[in-house]
Each structure stands twice: as structure tokens, then as C-alpha cells.
Amino acid sequence: MFEERNIKSIRLTTAATAIALLIGASGALGNDKPTDPQIAHIAYTAGLLDIEAAKQAIATSKNKTVVEFAESMLRDHETVNTQALDLVKKLNVTPENNDTSKSLSQAAETKRQELAKLEGAAFDKAYIEQEVAYHKQVNGALEMLLIPSAQNAELKSLLETGLKLFRGHQQHAEHVAAELK
């Protein structure tokens, strides 16, 4: 009963966080489009946060499917973040921290703390549901705000490649979530 109540609470928090972050991605920067340095910071932060979530899942889960999913998130997001860092160095751009990056980080910390209270199947289910929601949210922000706002062609191309990859992550997470039910 306690775990079921925690899972329901986490689901509501996940949904509220996803909605708040989507609003934040378009509203935290005001009516202005984010600049390329802000976009670079948002994209890198989003990847870093999913790396941290994957590490938590690898350390916590005993479910082979969940661990394999988390390992793929870790590998893919580390690769994209390395490419992003290489690009900002090449372009001599300094990523600029912003309200959207800060909101993402705060929400991720809250989620990590919630997940840390769970174990076993309850953890696995909550982690995968978070991954589905997170990838939906990030994909929406990429498609609707970050890619259209990017001015540099190479940055835009990297974001478009990331969107294709992250859509696959969302589908993979949805598949794992269906397996866990």
C-alpha cells in the first residue's frame, strides 16, 4: 500500500514536472527565443540529467531489462553530450546557464530523491515512467522551441540528430514500460 501510494505520487509529480518544464522551456526565457549559448546549455543539461538518472537506475535496479535500458541511456547521452561539448569548443561558444536549465536541474533532483525512496519493481516502474515522460518533454522542447530557435546550422543539425535519437529513446522507454505492467 505504501509503495502504491508512492508510485501514484511520483506519477502525479512526473506529469506536473513535464507540464511545468514544457511551459518553462517556452516561458522561462520570456517571449524571446533562447540564444544559441542558452540552447547549448539546455541541451547539455538535459543530457547530463538523464545520465545521472541512468546511473541511479543501474545502481538500484535488479531488473535486467531496466538495467540494459539505463545502460543505453547512459551510453547514448554521454555520446551526444561529448558531441555537444566538441561543437561548442569548435564554435568558441560558452554555454549560458538560464532559467530553463535551472528548472530542469531542480526537477531532476526532486525526482532522484523520490526514486531513492523506492526499490524493486516499484523503483523500476517509476524510473521507466519518468523516462517516458522526460523524453516526451525533451523531444517536445527540441521540436517546438530549441531547434526552431537555433541560429547556428551545426547546432541545429546536432539538435535534429538528438531529436531522432531521443524519439527512439522514448519508444524504447514506452516498450519497457509496457513490459513492466
N, C-alpha and C. Protein backbone atom coordinates (compact mmCIF):
# COMPACT_ATOMS: atom_id res chain seq x y z
N MET A 1 0.82 -1.19 0.00
CA MET A 1 0.00 0.00 0.00
C MET A 1 0.87 1.26 0.00
N PHE A 2 1.91 1.26 0.84
CA PHE A 2 2.79 2.43 0.89
C PHE A 2 3.47 2.65 -0.45
N GLU A 3 4.02 1.56 -1.07
CA GLU A 3 4.69 1.68 -2.36
C GLU A 3 3.71 2.13 -3.43
N GLU A 4 2.48 1.62 -3.40
CA GLU A 4 1.47 2.00 -4.40
C GLU A 4 1.16 3.50 -4.27
N ARG A 5 1.05 3.99 -3.05
CA ARG A 5 0.78 5.41 -2.83
C ARG A 5 1.97 6.25 -3.33
N ASN A 6 3.20 5.78 -3.07
CA ASN A 6 4.38 6.48 -3.56
C ASN A 6 4.42 6.52 -5.08
N ILE A 7 4.08 5.41 -5.73
CA ILE A 7 4.07 5.36 -7.19
C ILE A 7 3.05 6.34 -7.74
N LYS A 8 1.87 6.41 -7.15
CA LYS A 8 0.85 7.36 -7.60
C LYS A 8 1.34 8.78 -7.41
N SER A 9 2.00 9.06 -6.31
CA SER A 9 2.54 10.39 -6.05
C SER A 9 3.61 10.74 -7.08
N ILE A 10 4.46 9.78 -7.39
CA ILE A 10 5.52 10.01 -8.37
C ILE A 10 4.92 10.24 -9.75
N ARG A 11 3.87 9.50 -10.11
CA ARG A 11 3.22 9.70 -11.41
C ARG A 11 2.68 11.12 -11.51
N LEU A 12 2.02 11.61 -10.46
CA LEU A 12 1.49 12.97 -10.47
C LEU A 12 2.61 13.98 -10.55
N THR A 13 3.67 13.76 -9.79
CA THR A 13 4.81 14.66 -9.83
C THR A 13 5.45 14.66 -11.21
N THR A 14 5.58 13.48 -11.81
CA THR A 14 6.15 13.38 -13.15
C THR A 14 5.32 14.15 -14.15
N ALA A 15 4.02 13.98 -14.11
CA ALA A 15 3.14 14.68 -15.04
C ALA A 15 3.22 16.19 -14.82
N ALA A 16 3.18 16.60 -13.56
CA ALA A 16 3.26 18.04 -13.26
C ALA A 16 4.61 18.61 -13.68
N THR A 17 5.68 17.86 -13.45
CA THR A 17 7.00 18.32 -13.83
C THR A 17 7.10 18.47 -15.34
N ALA A 18 6.61 17.48 -16.07
CA ALA A 18 6.67 17.55 -17.53
C ALA A 18 5.92 18.77 -18.05
N ILE A 19 4.75 19.01 -17.51
CA ILE A 19 3.96 20.18 -17.94
C ILE A 19 4.69 21.47 -17.57
N ALA A 20 5.19 21.54 -16.35
CA ALA A 20 5.89 22.75 -15.91
C ALA A 20 7.13 23.01 -16.75
N LEU A 21 7.86 21.96 -17.09
CA LEU A 21 9.08 22.15 -17.86
C LEU A 21 8.78 22.54 -19.30
N LEU A 22 7.72 22.01 -19.86
CA LEU A 22 7.33 22.42 -21.21
C LEU A 22 6.95 23.89 -21.21
N ILE A 23 6.20 24.29 -20.21
CA ILE A 23 5.84 25.70 -20.09
C ILE A 23 7.10 26.52 -19.83
N GLY A 24 7.96 25.99 -18.97
CA GLY A 24 9.20 26.69 -18.64
C GLY A 24 10.10 26.84 -19.84
N ALA A 25 10.18 25.81 -20.68
CA ALA A 25 11.06 25.89 -21.85
C ALA A 25 10.62 27.00 -22.78
N SER A 26 9.33 27.22 -22.86
CA SER A 26 8.87 28.29 -23.74
C SER A 26 8.66 29.60 -22.99
N GLY A 27 8.45 29.53 -21.69
CA GLY A 27 8.14 30.74 -20.94
C GLY A 27 9.24 31.27 -20.05
N ALA A 28 10.16 30.43 -19.63
CA ALA A 28 11.19 30.87 -18.69
C ALA A 28 12.12 31.89 -19.32
N LEU A 29 12.21 31.87 -20.62
CA LEU A 29 13.06 32.82 -21.31
C LEU A 29 12.26 34.03 -21.76
N GLY A 30 11.04 34.14 -21.25
CA GLY A 30 10.17 35.24 -21.65
C GLY A 30 9.62 34.96 -23.04
N ASN A 31 9.27 36.00 -23.74
CA ASN A 31 8.75 35.84 -25.09
C ASN A 31 9.88 35.70 -26.10
N ASP A 32 11.11 35.91 -25.66
CA ASP A 32 12.25 35.81 -26.55
C ASP A 32 12.61 34.35 -26.80
N LYS A 33 13.13 34.11 -27.97
CA LYS A 33 13.66 32.79 -28.27
C LYS A 33 14.99 32.65 -27.55
N PRO A 34 15.32 31.44 -27.11
CA PRO A 34 16.63 31.26 -26.46
C PRO A 34 17.75 31.48 -27.48
N THR A 35 18.86 31.96 -26.98
CA THR A 35 20.05 32.15 -27.82
C THR A 35 20.76 30.81 -27.99
N ASP A 36 21.67 30.74 -28.94
CA ASP A 36 22.43 29.51 -29.13
C ASP A 36 23.20 29.10 -27.88
N PRO A 37 23.85 30.03 -27.15
CA PRO A 37 24.52 29.63 -25.91
C PRO A 37 23.54 29.07 -24.86
N GLN A 38 22.32 29.63 -24.79
CA GLN A 38 21.31 29.11 -23.88
C GLN A 38 20.83 27.73 -24.33
N ILE A 39 20.61 27.58 -25.63
CA ILE A 39 20.18 26.29 -26.19
C ILE A 39 21.23 25.22 -25.90
N ALA A 40 22.50 25.57 -26.11
CA ALA A 40 23.57 24.61 -25.84
C ALA A 40 23.55 24.17 -24.38
N HIS A 41 23.32 25.11 -23.49
CA HIS A 41 23.29 24.77 -22.05
C HIS A 41 22.08 23.90 -21.72
N ILE A 42 20.93 24.25 -22.27
CA ILE A 42 19.71 23.46 -22.02
C ILE A 42 19.89 22.03 -22.52
N ALA A 43 20.38 21.89 -23.74
CA ALA A 43 20.54 20.55 -24.33
C ALA A 43 21.56 19.73 -23.54
N TYR A 44 22.67 20.33 -23.18
CA TYR A 44 23.69 19.62 -22.41
C TYR A 44 23.14 19.22 -21.04
N THR A 45 22.45 20.14 -20.39
CA THR A 45 21.88 19.87 -19.08
C THR A 45 20.88 18.72 -19.14
N ALA A 46 20.01 18.73 -20.14
CA ALA A 46 19.03 17.66 -20.28
C ALA A 46 19.72 16.31 -20.43
N GLY A 47 20.77 16.26 -21.23
CA GLY A 47 21.52 15.01 -21.39
C GLY A 47 22.19 14.58 -20.10
N LEU A 48 22.82 15.53 -19.42
CA LEU A 48 23.51 15.24 -18.16
C LEU A 48 22.54 14.70 -17.12
N LEU A 49 21.35 15.26 -17.06
CA LEU A 49 20.36 14.81 -16.08
C LEU A 49 19.90 13.38 -16.37
N ASP A 50 19.78 13.03 -17.66
CA ASP A 50 19.39 11.66 -17.96
C ASP A 50 20.55 10.69 -17.71
N ILE A 51 21.77 11.16 -17.84
CA ILE A 51 22.94 10.34 -17.47
C ILE A 51 22.88 10.03 -15.97
N GLU A 52 22.60 11.03 -15.17
CA GLU A 52 22.51 10.83 -13.72
C GLU A 52 21.37 9.88 -13.37
N ALA A 53 20.24 10.02 -14.04
CA ALA A 53 19.10 9.11 -13.79
C ALA A 53 19.47 7.68 -14.17
N ALA A 54 20.18 7.53 -15.28
CA ALA A 54 20.60 6.19 -15.72
C ALA A 54 21.54 5.56 -14.69
N LYS A 55 22.47 6.34 -14.18
CA LYS A 55 23.40 5.82 -13.16
C LYS A 55 22.64 5.38 -11.92
N GLN A 56 21.62 6.13 -11.53
CA GLN A 56 20.82 5.75 -10.38
C GLN A 56 20.11 4.42 -10.65
N ALA A 57 19.57 4.27 -11.84
CA ALA A 57 18.85 3.04 -12.19
C ALA A 57 19.80 1.85 -12.24
N ILE A 58 20.97 2.04 -12.80
CA ILE A 58 21.95 0.95 -12.87
C ILE A 58 22.35 0.50 -11.47
N ALA A 59 22.51 1.44 -10.57
CA ALA A 59 22.91 1.12 -9.21
C ALA A 59 21.78 0.51 -8.39
N THR A 60 20.53 0.81 -8.73
CA THR A 60 19.40 0.42 -7.90
C THR A 60 18.64 -0.80 -8.41
N SER A 61 18.41 -0.86 -9.70
CA SER A 61 17.54 -1.89 -10.26
C SER A 61 18.21 -3.26 -10.30
N LYS A 62 17.40 -4.26 -10.12
CA LYS A 62 17.84 -5.66 -10.26
C LYS A 62 17.22 -6.28 -11.52
N ASN A 63 16.40 -5.50 -12.22
CA ASN A 63 15.70 -5.97 -13.41
C ASN A 63 16.62 -5.80 -14.62
N LYS A 64 16.94 -6.92 -15.29
CA LYS A 64 17.88 -6.91 -16.41
C LYS A 64 17.43 -5.95 -17.51
N THR A 65 16.16 -5.93 -17.84
CA THR A 65 15.65 -5.07 -18.91
C THR A 65 15.81 -3.59 -18.54
N VAL A 66 15.51 -3.26 -17.31
CA VAL A 66 15.64 -1.87 -16.85
C VAL A 66 17.10 -1.45 -16.85
N VAL A 67 17.97 -2.32 -16.36
CA VAL A 67 19.41 -2.00 -16.33
C VAL A 67 19.95 -1.83 -17.75
N GLU A 68 19.55 -2.71 -18.66
CA GLU A 68 20.01 -2.58 -20.05
C GLU A 68 19.50 -1.28 -20.67
N PHE A 69 18.26 -0.91 -20.38
CA PHE A 69 17.73 0.35 -20.86
C PHE A 69 18.56 1.51 -20.31
N ALA A 70 18.81 1.50 -19.01
CA ALA A 70 19.58 2.57 -18.37
C ALA A 70 20.99 2.64 -18.95
N GLU A 71 21.59 1.50 -19.20
CA GLU A 71 22.94 1.49 -19.80
C GLU A 71 22.92 2.13 -21.19
N SER A 72 21.86 1.88 -21.95
CA SER A 72 21.77 2.50 -23.28
C SER A 72 21.56 4.01 -23.16
N MET A 73 20.81 4.46 -22.14
CA MET A 73 20.62 5.89 -21.93
C MET A 73 21.96 6.53 -21.55
N LEU A 74 22.69 5.88 -20.68
CA LEU A 74 23.99 6.39 -20.25
C LEU A 74 24.93 6.53 -21.45
N ARG A 75 25.03 5.49 -22.23
CA ARG A 75 25.93 5.48 -23.39
C ARG A 75 25.53 6.55 -24.42
N ASP A 76 24.26 6.57 -24.79
CA ASP A 76 23.80 7.49 -25.83
C ASP A 76 23.90 8.96 -25.40
N HIS A 77 23.49 9.25 -24.17
CA HIS A 77 23.53 10.65 -23.71
C HIS A 77 24.97 11.12 -23.49
N GLU A 78 25.85 10.23 -23.05
CA GLU A 78 27.26 10.62 -22.93
C GLU A 78 27.84 10.94 -24.31
N THR A 79 27.47 10.15 -25.31
CA THR A 79 27.96 10.38 -26.67
C THR A 79 27.47 11.71 -27.21
N VAL A 80 26.17 11.99 -27.06
CA VAL A 80 25.62 13.25 -27.55
C VAL A 80 26.21 14.44 -26.80
N ASN A 81 26.38 14.31 -25.50
CA ASN A 81 26.96 15.42 -24.73
C ASN A 81 28.41 15.67 -25.12
N THR A 82 29.16 14.61 -25.43
CA THR A 82 30.53 14.79 -25.92
C THR A 82 30.52 15.54 -27.24
N GLN A 83 29.60 15.16 -28.13
CA GLN A 83 29.49 15.86 -29.41
C GLN A 83 29.12 17.33 -29.20
N ALA A 84 28.22 17.58 -28.26
CA ALA A 84 27.82 18.96 -27.97
C ALA A 84 29.00 19.78 -27.44
N LEU A 85 29.77 19.19 -26.52
CA LEU A 85 30.94 19.90 -26.00
C LEU A 85 31.96 20.18 -27.09
N ASP A 86 32.18 19.18 -27.95
CA ASP A 86 33.11 19.37 -29.07
C ASP A 86 32.64 20.52 -29.97
N LEU A 87 31.34 20.58 -30.22
CA LEU A 87 30.80 21.62 -31.09
C LEU A 87 30.95 23.01 -30.47
N VAL A 88 30.62 23.15 -29.18
CA VAL A 88 30.74 24.48 -28.57
C VAL A 88 32.19 24.93 -28.51
N LYS A 89 33.12 23.99 -28.34
CA LYS A 89 34.54 24.35 -28.37
C LYS A 89 34.93 24.80 -29.77
N LYS A 90 34.48 24.05 -30.78
CA LYS A 90 34.79 24.39 -32.17
C LYS A 90 34.25 25.77 -32.53
N LEU A 91 33.05 26.06 -32.06
CA LEU A 91 32.40 27.34 -32.39
C LEU A 91 32.83 28.47 -31.44
N ASN A 92 33.63 28.10 -30.44
CA ASN A 92 34.07 29.06 -29.43
C ASN A 92 32.87 29.75 -28.76
N VAL A 93 31.91 28.92 -28.37
CA VAL A 93 30.69 29.40 -27.71
C VAL A 93 30.72 28.92 -26.26
N THR A 94 30.38 29.81 -25.35
CA THR A 94 30.27 29.43 -23.95
C THR A 94 28.79 29.21 -23.63
N PRO A 95 28.41 27.96 -23.29
CA PRO A 95 27.01 27.73 -22.93
C PRO A 95 26.59 28.65 -21.79
N GLU A 96 25.38 29.16 -21.89
CA GLU A 96 24.88 30.14 -20.93
C GLU A 96 23.78 29.52 -20.06
N ASN A 97 24.05 29.47 -18.76
CA ASN A 97 23.05 28.98 -17.83
C ASN A 97 21.81 29.87 -17.92
N ASN A 98 20.65 29.29 -17.67
CA ASN A 98 19.40 30.03 -17.82
C ASN A 98 18.33 29.39 -16.96
N ASP A 99 17.18 30.02 -16.89
CA ASP A 99 16.09 29.54 -16.03
C ASP A 99 15.61 28.15 -16.43
N THR A 100 15.61 27.84 -17.72
CA THR A 100 15.16 26.53 -18.16
C THR A 100 16.11 25.45 -17.67
N SER A 101 17.41 25.67 -17.82
CA SER A 101 18.40 24.70 -17.33
C SER A 101 18.27 24.51 -15.82
N LYS A 102 18.07 25.62 -15.12
CA LYS A 102 17.92 25.55 -13.66
C LYS A 102 16.67 24.77 -13.27
N SER A 103 15.57 25.00 -13.98
CA SER A 103 14.32 24.28 -13.70
C SER A 103 14.48 22.80 -13.95
N LEU A 104 15.14 22.46 -15.06
CA LEU A 104 15.39 21.05 -15.36
C LEU A 104 16.19 20.39 -14.23
N SER A 105 17.23 21.07 -13.78
CA SER A 105 18.08 20.52 -12.72
C SER A 105 17.33 20.35 -11.41
N GLN A 106 16.54 21.34 -11.04
CA GLN A 106 15.76 21.25 -9.80
C GLN A 106 14.75 20.11 -9.86
N ALA A 107 14.06 19.98 -10.98
CA ALA A 107 13.07 18.90 -11.13
C ALA A 107 13.74 17.54 -11.10
N ALA A 108 14.91 17.42 -11.72
CA ALA A 108 15.63 16.15 -11.74
C ALA A 108 16.09 15.77 -10.33
N GLU A 109 16.53 16.74 -9.55
CA GLU A 109 16.96 16.45 -8.18
C GLU A 109 15.77 15.95 -7.35
N THR A 110 14.64 16.59 -7.50
CA THR A 110 13.43 16.14 -6.80
C THR A 110 13.09 14.72 -7.19
N LYS A 111 13.17 14.42 -8.48
CA LYS A 111 12.86 13.08 -8.98
C LYS A 111 13.85 12.05 -8.43
N ARG A 112 15.14 12.39 -8.42
CA ARG A 112 16.15 11.46 -7.88
C ARG A 112 15.84 11.12 -6.42
N GLN A 113 15.45 12.14 -5.65
CA GLN A 113 15.13 11.90 -4.24
C GLN A 113 13.89 11.01 -4.10
N GLU A 114 12.89 11.23 -4.94
CA GLU A 114 11.69 10.39 -4.90
C GLU A 114 12.03 8.94 -5.26
N LEU A 115 12.81 8.77 -6.31
CA LEU A 115 13.18 7.42 -6.73
C LEU A 115 14.05 6.72 -5.69
N ALA A 116 14.86 7.48 -4.97
CA ALA A 116 15.74 6.89 -3.95
C ALA A 116 14.95 6.23 -2.82
N LYS A 117 13.70 6.61 -2.67
CA LYS A 117 12.86 6.03 -1.62
C LYS A 117 12.23 4.70 -2.06
N LEU A 118 12.40 4.35 -3.32
CA LEU A 118 11.78 3.14 -3.86
C LEU A 118 12.82 2.06 -4.10
N GLU A 119 12.32 0.83 -4.22
CA GLU A 119 13.19 -0.28 -4.59
C GLU A 119 12.38 -1.33 -5.32
N GLY A 120 13.09 -2.27 -5.91
CA GLY A 120 12.42 -3.38 -6.60
C GLY A 120 11.55 -2.91 -7.76
N ALA A 121 10.42 -3.60 -7.91
CA ALA A 121 9.50 -3.32 -9.02
C ALA A 121 8.95 -1.90 -8.96
N ALA A 122 8.76 -1.37 -7.75
CA ALA A 122 8.25 -0.01 -7.62
C ALA A 122 9.24 1.00 -8.20
N PHE A 123 10.54 0.80 -7.91
CA PHE A 123 11.56 1.67 -8.48
C PHE A 123 11.57 1.55 -10.00
N ASP A 124 11.60 0.30 -10.48
CA ASP A 124 11.70 0.07 -11.92
C ASP A 124 10.56 0.75 -12.67
N LYS A 125 9.36 0.59 -12.17
CA LYS A 125 8.19 1.17 -12.83
C LYS A 125 8.25 2.70 -12.80
N ALA A 126 8.59 3.26 -11.65
CA ALA A 126 8.65 4.72 -11.53
C ALA A 126 9.77 5.30 -12.40
N TYR A 127 10.92 4.63 -12.44
CA TYR A 127 12.03 5.11 -13.26
C TYR A 127 11.65 5.11 -14.74
N ILE A 128 11.08 4.02 -15.21
CA ILE A 128 10.74 3.92 -16.63
C ILE A 128 9.63 4.91 -16.98
N GLU A 129 8.65 5.06 -16.10
CA GLU A 129 7.60 6.06 -16.38
C GLU A 129 8.19 7.46 -16.44
N GLN A 130 9.16 7.74 -15.59
CA GLN A 130 9.84 9.04 -15.62
C GLN A 130 10.59 9.20 -16.95
N GLU A 131 11.23 8.14 -17.41
CA GLU A 131 11.96 8.22 -18.68
C GLU A 131 11.03 8.48 -19.86
N VAL A 132 9.87 7.86 -19.84
CA VAL A 132 8.88 8.13 -20.90
C VAL A 132 8.49 9.61 -20.86
N ALA A 133 8.10 10.09 -19.68
CA ALA A 133 7.67 11.48 -19.54
C ALA A 133 8.79 12.45 -19.87
N TYR A 134 9.99 12.16 -19.41
CA TYR A 134 11.14 13.05 -19.63
C TYR A 134 11.47 13.16 -21.11
N HIS A 135 11.49 12.02 -21.80
CA HIS A 135 11.82 12.06 -23.22
C HIS A 135 10.71 12.74 -24.03
N LYS A 136 9.47 12.55 -23.64
CA LYS A 136 8.38 13.27 -24.32
C LYS A 136 8.59 14.77 -24.16
N GLN A 137 8.89 15.18 -22.95
CA GLN A 137 9.08 16.60 -22.65
C GLN A 137 10.27 17.17 -23.40
N VAL A 138 11.40 16.49 -23.36
CA VAL A 138 12.60 16.98 -24.02
C VAL A 138 12.40 17.00 -25.54
N ASN A 139 11.78 15.94 -26.07
CA ASN A 139 11.52 15.90 -27.51
C ASN A 139 10.62 17.05 -27.94
N GLY A 140 9.61 17.34 -27.14
CA GLY A 140 8.72 18.46 -27.44
C GLY A 140 9.46 19.78 -27.42
N ALA A 141 10.34 19.97 -26.43
CA ALA A 141 11.11 21.20 -26.33
C ALA A 141 12.09 21.33 -27.51
N LEU A 142 12.71 20.22 -27.88
CA LEU A 142 13.61 20.24 -29.04
C LEU A 142 12.85 20.64 -30.30
N GLU A 143 11.74 19.98 -30.53
CA GLU A 143 10.98 20.17 -31.77
C GLU A 143 10.32 21.55 -31.84
N MET A 144 9.73 21.98 -30.74
CA MET A 144 8.91 23.21 -30.78
C MET A 144 9.69 24.49 -30.45
N LEU A 145 10.79 24.38 -29.72
CA LEU A 145 11.49 25.58 -29.28
C LEU A 145 12.97 25.60 -29.65
N LEU A 146 13.70 24.59 -29.24
CA LEU A 146 15.15 24.66 -29.37
C LEU A 146 15.63 24.61 -30.81
N ILE A 147 15.13 23.65 -31.59
CA ILE A 147 15.56 23.54 -32.99
C ILE A 147 15.13 24.78 -33.79
N PRO A 148 13.86 25.21 -33.69
CA PRO A 148 13.49 26.41 -34.45
C PRO A 148 14.24 27.67 -34.01
N SER A 149 14.69 27.72 -32.76
CA SER A 149 15.37 28.91 -32.26
C SER A 149 16.86 28.92 -32.57
N ALA A 150 17.45 27.76 -32.83
CA ALA A 150 18.89 27.68 -33.07
C ALA A 150 19.26 28.45 -34.33
N GLN A 151 20.27 29.30 -34.22
CA GLN A 151 20.73 30.11 -35.35
C GLN A 151 21.88 29.45 -36.10
N ASN A 152 22.75 28.75 -35.37
CA ASN A 152 23.91 28.11 -35.99
C ASN A 152 23.49 26.80 -36.64
N ALA A 153 23.86 26.60 -37.89
CA ALA A 153 23.45 25.42 -38.64
C ALA A 153 23.99 24.13 -38.02
N GLU A 154 25.21 24.15 -37.51
CA GLU A 154 25.79 22.95 -36.90
C GLU A 154 25.07 22.59 -35.59
N LEU A 155 24.75 23.61 -34.81
CA LEU A 155 23.99 23.37 -33.58
C LEU A 155 22.61 22.81 -33.92
N LYS A 156 21.95 23.41 -34.89
CA LYS A 156 20.63 22.95 -35.31
C LYS A 156 20.71 21.49 -35.78
N SER A 157 21.73 21.16 -36.54
CA SER A 157 21.91 19.79 -37.04
C SER A 157 22.11 18.80 -35.88
N LEU A 158 22.93 19.19 -34.90
CA LEU A 158 23.15 18.32 -33.74
C LEU A 158 21.85 18.11 -32.97
N LEU A 159 21.07 19.16 -32.81
CA LEU A 159 19.79 19.05 -32.12
C LEU A 159 18.82 18.16 -32.89
N GLU A 160 18.81 18.27 -34.21
CA GLU A 160 17.94 17.42 -35.04
C GLU A 160 18.34 15.95 -34.94
N THR A 161 19.65 15.70 -34.93
CA THR A 161 20.14 14.33 -34.74
C THR A 161 19.74 13.82 -33.36
N GLY A 162 19.90 14.67 -32.36
CA GLY A 162 19.50 14.30 -31.00
C GLY A 162 18.02 13.99 -30.92
N LEU A 163 17.20 14.78 -31.60
CA LEU A 163 15.75 14.54 -31.59
C LEU A 163 15.42 13.16 -32.15
N LYS A 164 16.06 12.78 -33.25
CA LYS A 164 15.82 11.44 -33.82
C LYS A 164 16.19 10.36 -32.82
N LEU A 165 17.35 10.51 -32.20
CA LEU A 165 17.82 9.53 -31.22
C LEU A 165 16.89 9.48 -30.02
N PHE A 166 16.47 10.65 -29.52
CA PHE A 166 15.67 10.70 -28.31
C PHE A 166 14.23 10.24 -28.56
N ARG A 167 13.74 10.37 -29.78
CA ARG A 167 12.44 9.78 -30.11
C ARG A 167 12.54 8.25 -29.98
N GLY A 168 13.67 7.71 -30.41
CA GLY A 168 13.91 6.28 -30.23
C GLY A 168 13.97 5.90 -28.76
N HIS A 169 14.58 6.76 -27.95
CA HIS A 169 14.63 6.52 -26.50
C HIS A 169 13.22 6.49 -25.92
N GLN A 170 12.39 7.42 -26.36
CA GLN A 170 11.02 7.46 -25.86
C GLN A 170 10.28 6.18 -26.22
N GLN A 171 10.43 5.73 -27.45
CA GLN A 171 9.77 4.49 -27.87
C GLN A 171 10.31 3.30 -27.07
N HIS A 172 11.62 3.27 -26.87
CA HIS A 172 12.23 2.19 -26.08
C HIS A 172 11.68 2.20 -24.65
N ALA A 173 11.61 3.39 -24.05
CA ALA A 173 11.07 3.50 -22.69
C ALA A 173 9.61 3.06 -22.64
N GLU A 174 8.83 3.43 -23.64
CA GLU A 174 7.42 3.01 -23.69
C GLU A 174 7.31 1.50 -23.80
N HIS A 175 8.21 0.89 -24.58
CA HIS A 175 8.21 -0.57 -24.72
C HIS A 175 8.56 -1.24 -23.39
N VAL A 176 9.57 -0.73 -22.71
CA VAL A 176 9.96 -1.30 -21.41
C VAL A 176 8.82 -1.11 -20.40
N ALA A 177 8.19 0.07 -20.42
CA ALA A 177 7.07 0.33 -19.51
C ALA A 177 5.95 -0.69 -19.74
N ALA A 178 5.66 -1.01 -20.99
CA ALA A 178 4.61 -1.99 -21.28
C ALA A 178 5.00 -3.38 -20.77
N GLU A 179 6.29 -3.71 -20.85
CA GLU A 179 6.76 -4.99 -20.34
C GLU A 179 6.62 -5.09 -18.82
N LEU A 180 6.78 -3.97 -18.14
CA LEU A 180 6.73 -3.97 -16.67
C LEU A 180 5.32 -4.05 -16.12
N LYS A 181 4.31 -3.83 -16.93
CA LYS A 181 2.92 -3.82 -16.42
C LYS A 181 2.42 -5.19 -16.16
